Amino acid sequence: MGMADYKETGNIQKTPFGYTMSVIGGKWKMLIIYILAENQPVRFNELKRRIGVITFKTLSSQLKELEANGMVIRKEYPQVPPKVEYSLTHKAETLLPALEQLCEWGINNQNS
């Protein structure tokens, strides 16, 4: 598994790594998962506030992609004004140990 898959297929998209990057890759998805892991459930505006520089459109599209990939649960409450909360699925929670390892790497290498 891993790098050997790339050597066999010659196509990074067909490897487990390629699949992983298709689900969590990009500028915002890992950050969204990190915030949800620390604070779930989180409402849309709170998520946007915690991220800061992301646009409404971008956050909305990133959440839709994460939901389509089975990483995020969107719960809408029928009230006025509408209330929507986001939380992680079990699938996303299985990614958290890898996220912790990335944080540990940052701790060890940020000032080197």
Foldseek 3Di string as FASTA:
>chain_A
DPPVVCVVPVDCCPDPVVVVCQQQNDDPRLVLLVVQVVDPFDWLVRSCVVVPPDDSVVSVVNQVSNVVVQFKDWDWDPDVVITITIHGDVVNVVCVVVVVVVVVVCVVPVVD
